[in-house]
Amino acid sequence: MANEHRHDMGAGGRCICTKCDKTIAHRDSVPCREERCPECDAKMLREGSHHHELFLQKHSKEKGDS
């Protein structure tokens, strides 16, 4: 059975913290969601991923409601 990559975004890129916006380089074979922010220890997202886009939309709506 072949390995399937559901979110294969290729090599490179960055992981971003959803709490403090710290970014780190994406490491090959380590999903950003498994990385912890070196500044605040929060989980990270792959910059430009579907989940990152959803986070940005939600964050934008929350700021607009304030």
N, C-alpha and C. Protein backbone atom coordinates (compact mmCIF):
# COMPACT_ATOMS: atom_id res chain seq x y z
N MET A 1 0.85 -1.17 0.00
CA MET A 1 0.00 0.00 0.00
C MET A 1 0.90 1.24 0.00
N ALA A 2 0.67 2.13 -0.92
CA ALA A 2 1.50 3.33 -1.06
C ALA A 2 1.17 4.34 0.04
N ASN A 3 2.19 5.08 0.43
CA ASN A 3 1.98 6.16 1.41
C ASN A 3 1.18 7.28 0.76
N GLU A 4 0.18 7.76 1.46
CA GLU A 4 -0.62 8.87 0.97
C GLU A 4 -0.31 10.11 1.78
N HIS A 5 -0.10 11.22 1.10
CA HIS A 5 0.15 12.48 1.77
C HIS A 5 -1.07 13.36 1.57
N ARG A 6 -1.87 13.49 2.61
CA ARG A 6 -3.10 14.28 2.51
C ARG A 6 -2.81 15.76 2.36
N HIS A 7 -1.73 16.23 2.99
CA HIS A 7 -1.45 17.65 2.98
C HIS A 7 -0.04 17.91 2.48
N ASP A 8 0.36 17.22 1.45
CA ASP A 8 1.72 17.35 0.93
C ASP A 8 1.91 18.72 0.31
N MET A 9 2.61 19.59 1.03
CA MET A 9 2.88 20.93 0.55
C MET A 9 4.32 21.07 0.06
N GLY A 10 5.02 19.95 0.00
CA GLY A 10 6.39 19.99 -0.49
C GLY A 10 7.39 20.40 0.57
N ALA A 11 8.63 20.46 0.15
CA ALA A 11 9.70 20.84 1.06
C ALA A 11 9.70 22.35 1.27
N GLY A 12 10.37 22.76 2.31
CA GLY A 12 10.47 24.19 2.59
C GLY A 12 9.24 24.70 3.30
N GLY A 13 9.11 25.99 3.34
CA GLY A 13 7.97 26.60 4.00
C GLY A 13 8.26 26.88 5.46
N ARG A 14 7.22 27.38 6.15
CA ARG A 14 7.39 27.75 7.54
C ARG A 14 6.20 27.28 8.36
N CYS A 15 6.45 27.09 9.65
CA CYS A 15 5.41 26.79 10.62
C CYS A 15 5.17 28.09 11.40
N ILE A 16 3.92 28.39 11.69
CA ILE A 16 3.58 29.62 12.38
C ILE A 16 2.76 29.33 13.64
N CYS A 17 3.06 30.07 14.70
CA CYS A 17 2.34 29.93 15.96
C CYS A 17 1.05 30.74 15.88
N THR A 18 -0.04 30.14 16.30
CA THR A 18 -1.33 30.83 16.25
C THR A 18 -1.55 31.76 17.44
N LYS A 19 -0.67 31.68 18.42
CA LYS A 19 -0.81 32.56 19.60
C LYS A 19 0.09 33.79 19.52
N CYS A 20 1.36 33.59 19.16
CA CYS A 20 2.30 34.73 19.19
C CYS A 20 2.88 35.09 17.83
N ASP A 21 2.48 34.37 16.76
CA ASP A 21 2.92 34.63 15.39
C ASP A 21 4.40 34.33 15.12
N LYS A 22 5.07 33.65 16.03
CA LYS A 22 6.46 33.24 15.81
C LYS A 22 6.49 32.25 14.66
N THR A 23 7.49 32.35 13.78
CA THR A 23 7.63 31.38 12.69
C THR A 23 8.96 30.66 12.82
N ILE A 24 8.95 29.40 12.40
CA ILE A 24 10.16 28.60 12.33
C ILE A 24 10.16 27.88 10.99
N ALA A 25 11.32 27.45 10.55
CA ALA A 25 11.42 26.71 9.30
C ALA A 25 10.74 25.35 9.45
N HIS A 26 10.00 24.96 8.41
CA HIS A 26 9.37 23.64 8.39
C HIS A 26 10.46 22.58 8.23
N ARG A 27 10.37 21.53 9.04
CA ARG A 27 11.32 20.42 8.95
C ARG A 27 10.69 19.29 8.13
N ASP A 28 11.46 18.75 7.19
CA ASP A 28 10.97 17.63 6.37
C ASP A 28 10.48 16.50 7.26
N SER A 29 9.36 15.92 6.90
CA SER A 29 8.76 14.75 7.56
C SER A 29 8.24 15.03 8.96
N VAL A 30 8.17 16.30 9.38
CA VAL A 30 7.61 16.66 10.69
C VAL A 30 6.46 17.63 10.45
N PRO A 31 5.22 17.17 10.59
CA PRO A 31 4.10 18.08 10.39
C PRO A 31 4.16 19.25 11.37
N CYS A 32 3.84 20.44 10.90
CA CYS A 32 3.87 21.61 11.77
C CYS A 32 2.98 21.44 12.98
N ARG A 33 1.87 20.71 12.84
CA ARG A 33 0.97 20.52 13.97
C ARG A 33 1.63 19.74 15.10
N GLU A 34 2.75 19.07 14.82
CA GLU A 34 3.49 18.36 15.84
C GLU A 34 4.61 19.21 16.44
N GLU A 35 4.83 20.39 15.88
CA GLU A 35 5.84 21.31 16.40
C GLU A 35 5.22 22.14 17.53
N ARG A 36 6.05 22.56 18.48
CA ARG A 36 5.62 23.46 19.56
C ARG A 36 6.39 24.76 19.40
N CYS A 37 5.74 25.86 19.63
CA CYS A 37 6.36 27.17 19.51
C CYS A 37 7.50 27.31 20.52
N PRO A 38 8.67 27.75 20.05
CA PRO A 38 9.78 27.93 20.98
C PRO A 38 9.58 29.12 21.93
N GLU A 39 8.64 30.00 21.63
CA GLU A 39 8.38 31.17 22.48
C GLU A 39 7.31 30.90 23.53
N CYS A 40 6.17 30.29 23.12
CA CYS A 40 5.04 30.14 24.05
C CYS A 40 4.54 28.70 24.21
N ASP A 41 5.14 27.75 23.51
CA ASP A 41 4.83 26.32 23.60
C ASP A 41 3.47 25.93 23.01
N ALA A 42 2.86 26.82 22.23
CA ALA A 42 1.59 26.49 21.57
C ALA A 42 1.85 25.63 20.33
N LYS A 43 0.83 24.92 19.88
CA LYS A 43 0.94 24.15 18.65
C LYS A 43 1.05 25.11 17.47
N MET A 44 1.67 24.63 16.41
CA MET A 44 1.90 25.47 15.24
C MET A 44 1.12 24.94 14.04
N LEU A 45 0.97 25.78 13.03
CA LEU A 45 0.31 25.42 11.77
C LEU A 45 1.26 25.69 10.62
N ARG A 46 1.09 24.96 9.53
CA ARG A 46 1.88 25.20 8.33
C ARG A 46 1.37 26.46 7.67
N GLU A 47 2.24 27.42 7.47
CA GLU A 47 1.87 28.67 6.83
C GLU A 47 1.35 28.39 5.42
N GLY A 48 0.17 28.91 5.12
CA GLY A 48 -0.44 28.72 3.80
C GLY A 48 -1.28 27.46 3.67
N SER A 49 -1.35 26.65 4.73
CA SER A 49 -2.15 25.42 4.67
C SER A 49 -3.64 25.75 4.80
N HIS A 50 -4.46 24.77 4.54
CA HIS A 50 -5.91 24.94 4.67
C HIS A 50 -6.26 25.34 6.10
N HIS A 51 -5.66 24.69 7.08
CA HIS A 51 -5.95 24.99 8.48
C HIS A 51 -5.48 26.40 8.86
N HIS A 52 -4.36 26.83 8.30
CA HIS A 52 -3.88 28.18 8.55
C HIS A 52 -4.86 29.20 7.97
N GLU A 53 -5.37 28.95 6.78
CA GLU A 53 -6.35 29.84 6.15
C GLU A 53 -7.63 29.92 7.00
N LEU A 54 -8.10 28.79 7.51
CA LEU A 54 -9.28 28.79 8.37
C LEU A 54 -9.03 29.60 9.64
N PHE A 55 -7.83 29.44 10.23
CA PHE A 55 -7.48 30.20 11.42
C PHE A 55 -7.49 31.70 11.12
N LEU A 56 -6.91 32.10 9.98
CA LEU A 56 -6.87 33.52 9.63
C LEU A 56 -8.28 34.08 9.44
N GLN A 57 -9.16 33.31 8.81
CA GLN A 57 -10.54 33.76 8.62
C GLN A 57 -11.24 33.95 9.97
N LYS A 58 -11.07 32.99 10.86
CA LYS A 58 -11.71 33.08 12.19
C LYS A 58 -11.13 34.26 12.97
N HIS A 59 -9.83 34.42 12.94
CA HIS A 59 -9.16 35.50 13.65
C HIS A 59 -9.60 36.86 13.10
N SER A 60 -9.76 36.95 11.80
CA SER A 60 -10.21 38.18 11.16
C SER A 60 -11.62 38.54 11.59
N LYS A 61 -12.51 37.57 11.68
CA LYS A 61 -13.89 37.80 12.11
C LYS A 61 -13.93 38.23 13.56
N GLU A 62 -13.10 37.62 14.41
CA GLU A 62 -13.07 37.98 15.83
C GLU A 62 -12.60 39.42 16.01
N LYS A 63 -11.60 39.84 15.25
CA LYS A 63 -11.12 41.21 15.34
C LYS A 63 -12.18 42.20 14.86
N GLY A 64 -12.92 41.80 13.83
CA GLY A 64 -13.97 42.65 13.27
C GLY A 64 -15.15 42.82 14.21
N ASP A 65 -15.39 41.82 15.06
CA ASP A 65 -16.52 41.86 15.98
C ASP A 65 -16.23 42.69 17.23
N SER A 66 -14.95 43.00 17.46
CA SER A 66 -14.57 43.74 18.68
C SER A 66 -14.94 45.19 18.59
